[in-house]
Amino acid sequence: MPEPAKRDHKAPKFLEISIKDSDGKVWTTLYAQAKDFSTGSVGYYASEKTTNPESGERYQCGLSFTLIGSKPGK
């Protein structure tokens, strides 16, 4: 895998992300871990399943944060 074009050396090892509804009720909290993506970019990734606290229906969330400009040049 090629080396990323850049890295953020002051970025933390993980991000804590709360998913809330329009009334502010928290559905879930995700922990996105630092990741080197297969594309060569760097950033964060999290995946979680959660339940709507009102209806009981299940949801799945996949989230990626990519450092802009980190993808290696062609």
N, C-alpha and C. Protein backbone atom coordinates (compact mmCIF):
# COMPACT_ATOMS: atom_id res chain seq x y z
N MET A 1 0.85 -1.17 0.00
CA MET A 1 0.00 0.00 0.00
C MET A 1 0.90 1.25 0.00
N PRO A 2 0.60 2.22 -0.87
CA PRO A 2 1.42 3.42 -0.90
C PRO A 2 1.24 4.26 0.37
N GLU A 3 2.25 5.03 0.69
CA GLU A 3 2.22 5.91 1.85
C GLU A 3 1.24 7.07 1.59
N PRO A 4 0.44 7.47 2.60
CA PRO A 4 -0.49 8.59 2.41
C PRO A 4 0.25 9.87 2.02
N ALA A 5 -0.43 10.74 1.28
CA ALA A 5 0.17 12.00 0.86
C ALA A 5 0.44 12.90 2.07
N LYS A 6 -0.40 12.77 3.11
CA LYS A 6 -0.16 13.51 4.34
C LYS A 6 -0.86 12.82 5.49
N ARG A 7 -0.45 13.14 6.70
CA ARG A 7 -1.05 12.66 7.94
C ARG A 7 -1.24 13.84 8.88
N ASP A 8 -2.20 13.73 9.77
CA ASP A 8 -2.41 14.75 10.81
C ASP A 8 -1.78 14.21 12.09
N HIS A 9 -0.59 14.67 12.39
CA HIS A 9 0.16 14.14 13.53
C HIS A 9 -0.42 14.58 14.88
N LYS A 10 -1.35 15.49 14.86
CA LYS A 10 -2.00 15.92 16.11
C LYS A 10 -3.39 15.29 16.27
N ALA A 11 -3.76 14.39 15.39
CA ALA A 11 -5.06 13.71 15.46
C ALA A 11 -5.04 12.68 16.59
N PRO A 12 -6.16 12.54 17.31
CA PRO A 12 -6.22 11.54 18.38
C PRO A 12 -6.33 10.12 17.82
N LYS A 13 -6.20 9.13 18.68
CA LYS A 13 -6.28 7.72 18.28
C LYS A 13 -7.72 7.30 17.97
N PHE A 14 -8.70 7.97 18.58
CA PHE A 14 -10.10 7.66 18.28
C PHE A 14 -10.95 8.91 18.49
N LEU A 15 -12.16 8.88 17.93
CA LEU A 15 -13.17 9.93 18.11
C LEU A 15 -14.40 9.31 18.76
N GLU A 16 -15.00 10.02 19.69
CA GLU A 16 -16.26 9.59 20.29
C GLU A 16 -17.38 10.37 19.60
N ILE A 17 -18.33 9.65 19.02
CA ILE A 17 -19.39 10.26 18.22
C ILE A 17 -20.74 9.85 18.80
N SER A 18 -21.54 10.83 19.17
CA SER A 18 -22.89 10.56 19.67
C SER A 18 -23.89 10.81 18.55
N ILE A 19 -24.82 9.87 18.38
CA ILE A 19 -25.90 10.02 17.40
C ILE A 19 -27.16 10.33 18.19
N LYS A 20 -27.74 11.51 17.89
CA LYS A 20 -28.91 11.98 18.63
C LYS A 20 -30.06 12.24 17.67
N ASP A 21 -31.29 12.13 18.19
CA ASP A 21 -32.44 12.48 17.38
C ASP A 21 -32.69 14.00 17.47
N SER A 22 -33.72 14.47 16.80
CA SER A 22 -33.97 15.91 16.74
C SER A 22 -34.36 16.51 18.10
N ASP A 23 -34.71 15.66 19.06
CA ASP A 23 -35.01 16.13 20.41
C ASP A 23 -33.80 16.05 21.34
N GLY A 24 -32.67 15.59 20.82
CA GLY A 24 -31.46 15.50 21.63
C GLY A 24 -31.27 14.19 22.36
N LYS A 25 -32.19 13.22 22.17
CA LYS A 25 -32.06 11.91 22.82
C LYS A 25 -30.98 11.10 22.10
N VAL A 26 -30.02 10.60 22.87
CA VAL A 26 -28.91 9.82 22.30
C VAL A 26 -29.39 8.42 21.93
N TRP A 27 -29.17 8.05 20.68
CA TRP A 27 -29.48 6.69 20.22
C TRP A 27 -28.30 5.77 20.49
N THR A 28 -27.09 6.27 20.22
CA THR A 28 -25.89 5.45 20.43
C THR A 28 -24.66 6.34 20.46
N THR A 29 -23.58 5.81 20.99
CA THR A 29 -22.28 6.46 20.95
C THR A 29 -21.32 5.52 20.24
N LEU A 30 -20.67 6.05 19.20
CA LEU A 30 -19.70 5.28 18.41
C LEU A 30 -18.29 5.71 18.79
N TYR A 31 -17.35 4.81 18.67
CA TYR A 31 -15.94 5.12 18.85
C TYR A 31 -15.24 4.82 17.54
N ALA A 32 -14.88 5.88 16.82
CA ALA A 32 -14.21 5.74 15.52
C ALA A 32 -12.71 5.64 15.76
N GLN A 33 -12.13 4.54 15.32
CA GLN A 33 -10.70 4.29 15.48
C GLN A 33 -9.92 4.88 14.30
N ALA A 34 -8.72 5.36 14.55
CA ALA A 34 -7.85 5.81 13.47
C ALA A 34 -7.63 4.64 12.52
N LYS A 35 -7.58 4.95 11.21
CA LYS A 35 -7.49 3.86 10.21
C LYS A 35 -6.70 4.32 9.00
N ASP A 36 -5.91 3.40 8.47
CA ASP A 36 -5.29 3.56 7.15
C ASP A 36 -6.18 2.77 6.19
N PHE A 37 -6.85 3.48 5.28
CA PHE A 37 -7.77 2.84 4.35
C PHE A 37 -7.01 2.15 3.21
N SER A 38 -7.65 1.19 2.56
CA SER A 38 -7.02 0.45 1.47
C SER A 38 -6.70 1.35 0.27
N THR A 39 -7.35 2.50 0.18
CA THR A 39 -7.09 3.46 -0.91
C THR A 39 -5.78 4.21 -0.71
N GLY A 40 -5.21 4.11 0.51
CA GLY A 40 -4.01 4.85 0.85
C GLY A 40 -4.31 6.08 1.68
N SER A 41 -5.59 6.48 1.74
CA SER A 41 -6.01 7.61 2.58
C SER A 41 -5.97 7.20 4.05
N VAL A 42 -5.98 8.20 4.93
CA VAL A 42 -6.04 7.95 6.37
C VAL A 42 -7.23 8.70 6.96
N GLY A 43 -7.69 8.25 8.12
CA GLY A 43 -8.80 8.89 8.79
C GLY A 43 -9.31 8.03 9.92
N TYR A 44 -10.64 7.93 10.02
CA TYR A 44 -11.29 7.19 11.09
C TYR A 44 -12.43 6.36 10.51
N TYR A 45 -12.75 5.25 11.21
CA TYR A 45 -13.85 4.40 10.78
C TYR A 45 -14.57 3.85 12.01
N ALA A 46 -15.90 3.80 11.92
CA ALA A 46 -16.71 3.19 12.98
C ALA A 46 -17.90 2.48 12.35
N SER A 47 -18.35 1.42 13.00
CA SER A 47 -19.54 0.68 12.56
C SER A 47 -20.25 0.21 13.82
N GLU A 48 -21.57 0.35 13.83
CA GLU A 48 -22.33 0.02 15.03
C GLU A 48 -23.77 -0.30 14.65
N LYS A 49 -24.39 -1.18 15.41
CA LYS A 49 -25.83 -1.39 15.30
C LYS A 49 -26.47 -0.77 16.53
N THR A 50 -27.65 -0.17 16.34
CA THR A 50 -28.33 0.48 17.45
C THR A 50 -29.83 0.29 17.32
N THR A 51 -30.53 0.60 18.38
CA THR A 51 -31.98 0.45 18.42
C THR A 51 -32.62 1.81 18.66
N ASN A 52 -33.69 2.09 17.91
CA ASN A 52 -34.47 3.29 18.15
C ASN A 52 -35.11 3.14 19.53
N PRO A 53 -34.81 4.04 20.47
CA PRO A 53 -35.33 3.87 21.83
C PRO A 53 -36.86 4.00 21.92
N GLU A 54 -37.48 4.59 20.91
CA GLU A 54 -38.94 4.77 20.92
C GLU A 54 -39.67 3.58 20.30
N SER A 55 -39.16 3.07 19.17
CA SER A 55 -39.89 2.03 18.44
C SER A 55 -39.31 0.63 18.62
N GLY A 56 -38.04 0.55 19.01
CA GLY A 56 -37.39 -0.76 19.12
C GLY A 56 -36.82 -1.26 17.80
N GLU A 57 -37.01 -0.51 16.70
CA GLU A 57 -36.46 -0.90 15.40
C GLU A 57 -34.94 -0.79 15.42
N ARG A 58 -34.28 -1.72 14.69
CA ARG A 58 -32.82 -1.76 14.66
C ARG A 58 -32.28 -1.02 13.44
N TYR A 59 -31.14 -0.37 13.62
CA TYR A 59 -30.45 0.35 12.56
C TYR A 59 -28.98 -0.03 12.58
N GLN A 60 -28.34 0.12 11.42
CA GLN A 60 -26.90 -0.10 11.30
C GLN A 60 -26.28 1.18 10.77
N CYS A 61 -25.14 1.56 11.35
CA CYS A 61 -24.44 2.78 10.95
C CYS A 61 -23.01 2.43 10.59
N GLY A 62 -22.54 2.92 9.46
CA GLY A 62 -21.14 2.84 9.07
C GLY A 62 -20.66 4.26 8.80
N LEU A 63 -19.54 4.64 9.36
CA LEU A 63 -19.10 6.01 9.29
C LEU A 63 -17.61 6.07 9.01
N SER A 64 -17.22 6.88 8.04
CA SER A 64 -15.79 7.11 7.81
C SER A 64 -15.52 8.60 7.76
N PHE A 65 -14.41 9.00 8.36
CA PHE A 65 -13.89 10.37 8.30
C PHE A 65 -12.55 10.23 7.59
N THR A 66 -12.38 10.92 6.50
CA THR A 66 -11.13 10.81 5.73
C THR A 66 -10.42 12.15 5.74
N LEU A 67 -9.14 12.12 6.02
CA LEU A 67 -8.33 13.33 5.98
C LEU A 67 -8.22 13.81 4.54
N ILE A 68 -8.73 15.00 4.27
CA ILE A 68 -8.70 15.55 2.92
C ILE A 68 -7.25 15.75 2.48
N GLY A 69 -6.95 15.25 1.29
CA GLY A 69 -5.60 15.37 0.75
C GLY A 69 -4.64 14.27 1.16
N SER A 70 -5.15 13.24 1.90
CA SER A 70 -4.25 12.17 2.34
C SER A 70 -4.09 11.06 1.30
N LYS A 71 -4.98 11.01 0.32
CA LYS A 71 -4.87 9.96 -0.70
C LYS A 71 -3.60 10.18 -1.52
N PRO A 72 -2.80 9.12 -1.68
CA PRO A 72 -1.57 9.26 -2.45
C PRO A 72 -1.85 9.70 -3.89
N GLY A 73 -0.97 10.50 -4.45
CA GLY A 73 -1.11 10.95 -5.83
C GLY A 73 -0.95 9.81 -6.80
N LYS A 74 -1.41 10.05 -8.01
CA LYS A 74 -1.31 9.00 -9.05
C LYS A 74 -0.05 9.16 -9.85
